[in-house]
Amino acid sequence: MPSPVRFAVVKKLLESSGWTFKRSKGSHFHFVKAGRRTMVIPVDAGKVAPTYVREVEKAIAEEERT
């Protein structure tokens, strides 16, 4: 099973792909990008679960194909 990834790494990846941090509510961080749904990333002890890291990678890959 893959291990969790630090939130700072995920945030940097999203921001380098044009996503903008909008807000946080508790442990959930909201990122927005024009023409896309808001992406909500839950963070636990500074780490992001592998499931959400895959979602981020998938969203970025879809944008690169278009």
N, C-alpha and C. Protein backbone atom coordinates (compact mmCIF):
# COMPACT_ATOMS: atom_id res chain seq x y z
N MET A 1 0.85 -1.18 0.00
CA MET A 1 0.00 0.00 0.00
C MET A 1 0.89 1.24 0.00
N PRO A 2 0.60 2.21 -0.87
CA PRO A 2 1.40 3.44 -0.90
C PRO A 2 1.24 4.21 0.40
N SER A 3 2.26 4.98 0.71
CA SER A 3 2.22 5.76 1.95
C SER A 3 1.68 7.17 1.67
N PRO A 4 1.19 7.85 2.70
CA PRO A 4 0.67 9.20 2.54
C PRO A 4 1.76 10.17 2.08
N VAL A 5 1.34 11.26 1.46
CA VAL A 5 2.25 12.28 0.93
C VAL A 5 2.05 13.57 1.72
N ARG A 6 3.12 14.29 1.98
CA ARG A 6 3.01 15.55 2.70
C ARG A 6 2.11 16.52 1.94
N PHE A 7 1.30 17.27 2.69
CA PHE A 7 0.38 18.23 2.08
C PHE A 7 1.13 19.29 1.28
N ALA A 8 2.29 19.74 1.76
CA ALA A 8 3.06 20.77 1.06
C ALA A 8 3.41 20.33 -0.36
N VAL A 9 3.69 19.05 -0.54
CA VAL A 9 4.03 18.52 -1.87
C VAL A 9 2.79 18.54 -2.77
N VAL A 10 1.65 18.12 -2.24
CA VAL A 10 0.41 18.09 -3.01
C VAL A 10 -0.01 19.52 -3.38
N LYS A 11 0.10 20.44 -2.43
CA LYS A 11 -0.27 21.83 -2.68
C LYS A 11 0.61 22.43 -3.78
N LYS A 12 1.89 22.17 -3.73
CA LYS A 12 2.82 22.68 -4.74
C LYS A 12 2.48 22.11 -6.11
N LEU A 13 2.14 20.83 -6.17
CA LEU A 13 1.76 20.17 -7.42
C LEU A 13 0.51 20.82 -8.02
N LEU A 14 -0.49 21.04 -7.18
CA LEU A 14 -1.73 21.67 -7.65
C LEU A 14 -1.48 23.10 -8.13
N GLU A 15 -0.77 23.88 -7.35
CA GLU A 15 -0.53 25.27 -7.70
C GLU A 15 0.32 25.40 -8.96
N SER A 16 1.24 24.48 -9.18
CA SER A 16 2.06 24.54 -10.40
C SER A 16 1.24 24.15 -11.62
N SER A 17 0.08 23.54 -11.41
CA SER A 17 -0.81 23.16 -12.51
C SER A 17 -1.96 24.15 -12.69
N GLY A 18 -1.89 25.28 -12.00
CA GLY A 18 -2.89 26.33 -12.19
C GLY A 18 -4.03 26.35 -11.20
N TRP A 19 -4.04 25.45 -10.23
CA TRP A 19 -5.07 25.45 -9.20
C TRP A 19 -4.74 26.50 -8.16
N THR A 20 -5.75 27.09 -7.57
CA THR A 20 -5.57 28.13 -6.56
C THR A 20 -6.22 27.69 -5.26
N PHE A 21 -5.49 27.89 -4.15
CA PHE A 21 -6.05 27.60 -2.83
C PHE A 21 -7.13 28.63 -2.56
N LYS A 22 -8.35 28.16 -2.24
CA LYS A 22 -9.46 29.06 -1.99
C LYS A 22 -9.70 29.23 -0.50
N ARG A 23 -9.85 28.11 0.21
CA ARG A 23 -10.15 28.19 1.63
C ARG A 23 -9.92 26.83 2.27
N SER A 24 -9.96 26.85 3.60
CA SER A 24 -9.93 25.59 4.33
C SER A 24 -11.01 25.63 5.39
N LYS A 25 -11.54 24.49 5.67
CA LYS A 25 -12.54 24.38 6.73
C LYS A 25 -12.15 23.13 7.52
N GLY A 26 -11.59 23.38 8.68
CA GLY A 26 -11.08 22.26 9.46
C GLY A 26 -9.88 21.66 8.76
N SER A 27 -9.94 20.39 8.49
CA SER A 27 -8.82 19.71 7.84
C SER A 27 -9.01 19.57 6.34
N HIS A 28 -10.03 20.21 5.77
CA HIS A 28 -10.32 20.10 4.35
C HIS A 28 -9.90 21.38 3.62
N PHE A 29 -9.03 21.22 2.64
CA PHE A 29 -8.50 22.34 1.87
C PHE A 29 -9.13 22.34 0.49
N HIS A 30 -9.65 23.50 0.08
CA HIS A 30 -10.37 23.64 -1.17
C HIS A 30 -9.51 24.36 -2.20
N PHE A 31 -9.38 23.75 -3.38
CA PHE A 31 -8.62 24.34 -4.48
C PHE A 31 -9.57 24.52 -5.66
N VAL A 32 -9.42 25.64 -6.39
CA VAL A 32 -10.30 25.93 -7.51
C VAL A 32 -9.48 26.21 -8.77
N LYS A 33 -10.14 25.97 -9.90
CA LYS A 33 -9.55 26.28 -11.20
C LYS A 33 -10.71 26.52 -12.15
N ALA A 34 -10.58 27.55 -12.99
CA ALA A 34 -11.66 27.91 -13.92
C ALA A 34 -12.03 26.71 -14.79
N GLY A 35 -13.32 26.47 -14.90
CA GLY A 35 -13.83 25.39 -15.72
C GLY A 35 -13.76 24.01 -15.09
N ARG A 36 -13.33 23.93 -13.85
CA ARG A 36 -13.22 22.65 -13.16
C ARG A 36 -14.00 22.68 -11.86
N ARG A 37 -14.38 21.52 -11.38
CA ARG A 37 -15.03 21.43 -10.07
C ARG A 37 -14.00 21.73 -8.98
N THR A 38 -14.49 22.24 -7.86
CA THR A 38 -13.61 22.47 -6.71
C THR A 38 -13.04 21.14 -6.24
N MET A 39 -11.75 21.11 -5.97
CA MET A 39 -11.10 19.91 -5.48
C MET A 39 -10.88 20.07 -3.98
N VAL A 40 -11.41 19.14 -3.21
CA VAL A 40 -11.29 19.18 -1.75
C VAL A 40 -10.30 18.10 -1.33
N ILE A 41 -9.28 18.53 -0.60
CA ILE A 41 -8.23 17.62 -0.15
C ILE A 41 -8.24 17.56 1.38
N PRO A 42 -8.61 16.42 1.96
CA PRO A 42 -8.54 16.27 3.42
C PRO A 42 -7.10 15.99 3.85
N VAL A 43 -6.69 16.64 4.92
CA VAL A 43 -5.32 16.50 5.42
C VAL A 43 -5.39 15.99 6.87
N ASP A 44 -4.59 14.97 7.15
CA ASP A 44 -4.53 14.41 8.49
C ASP A 44 -3.08 14.41 8.94
N ALA A 45 -2.79 15.17 9.99
CA ALA A 45 -1.43 15.28 10.54
C ALA A 45 -0.42 15.70 9.48
N GLY A 46 -0.84 16.61 8.59
CA GLY A 46 0.06 17.13 7.57
C GLY A 46 0.26 16.23 6.37
N LYS A 47 -0.50 15.14 6.30
CA LYS A 47 -0.35 14.17 5.21
C LYS A 47 -1.66 14.01 4.45
N VAL A 48 -1.53 13.67 3.16
CA VAL A 48 -2.68 13.43 2.28
C VAL A 48 -2.68 11.94 1.94
N ALA A 49 -3.84 11.33 2.07
CA ALA A 49 -3.97 9.90 1.78
C ALA A 49 -3.70 9.62 0.30
N PRO A 50 -3.15 8.45 -0.01
CA PRO A 50 -2.83 8.09 -1.39
C PRO A 50 -4.01 8.20 -2.36
N THR A 51 -5.21 7.94 -1.88
CA THR A 51 -6.41 8.04 -2.71
C THR A 51 -6.54 9.44 -3.30
N TYR A 52 -6.32 10.46 -2.48
CA TYR A 52 -6.47 11.84 -2.93
C TYR A 52 -5.29 12.28 -3.79
N VAL A 53 -4.13 11.72 -3.53
CA VAL A 53 -2.97 12.02 -4.37
C VAL A 53 -3.23 11.50 -5.78
N ARG A 54 -3.81 10.32 -5.90
CA ARG A 54 -4.16 9.77 -7.21
C ARG A 54 -5.19 10.65 -7.92
N GLU A 55 -6.17 11.18 -7.17
CA GLU A 55 -7.16 12.07 -7.77
C GLU A 55 -6.50 13.32 -8.33
N VAL A 56 -5.56 13.88 -7.59
CA VAL A 56 -4.83 15.07 -8.05
C VAL A 56 -4.05 14.74 -9.32
N GLU A 57 -3.33 13.63 -9.31
CA GLU A 57 -2.57 13.22 -10.49
C GLU A 57 -3.46 12.99 -11.69
N LYS A 58 -4.62 12.39 -11.47
CA LYS A 58 -5.57 12.14 -12.55
C LYS A 58 -6.10 13.45 -13.14
N ALA A 59 -6.45 14.41 -12.28
CA ALA A 59 -6.96 15.70 -12.73
C ALA A 59 -5.91 16.43 -13.56
N ILE A 60 -4.67 16.38 -13.13
CA ILE A 60 -3.59 17.05 -13.87
C ILE A 60 -3.34 16.36 -15.20
N ALA A 61 -3.38 15.05 -15.22
CA ALA A 61 -3.17 14.29 -16.47
C ALA A 61 -4.29 14.57 -17.47
N GLU A 62 -5.52 14.70 -17.00
CA GLU A 62 -6.65 15.00 -17.90
C GLU A 62 -6.47 16.36 -18.54
N GLU A 63 -5.97 17.32 -17.77
CA GLU A 63 -5.75 18.66 -18.32
C GLU A 63 -4.65 18.67 -19.37
N GLU A 64 -3.63 17.87 -19.17
CA GLU A 64 -2.52 17.81 -20.12
C GLU A 64 -2.95 17.19 -21.44
N ARG A 65 -3.94 16.30 -21.41
CA ARG A 65 -4.43 15.67 -22.63
C ARG A 65 -5.28 16.60 -23.47
N THR A 66 -5.87 17.63 -22.85
CA THR A 66 -6.76 18.53 -23.60
C THR A 66 -6.03 19.73 -24.13
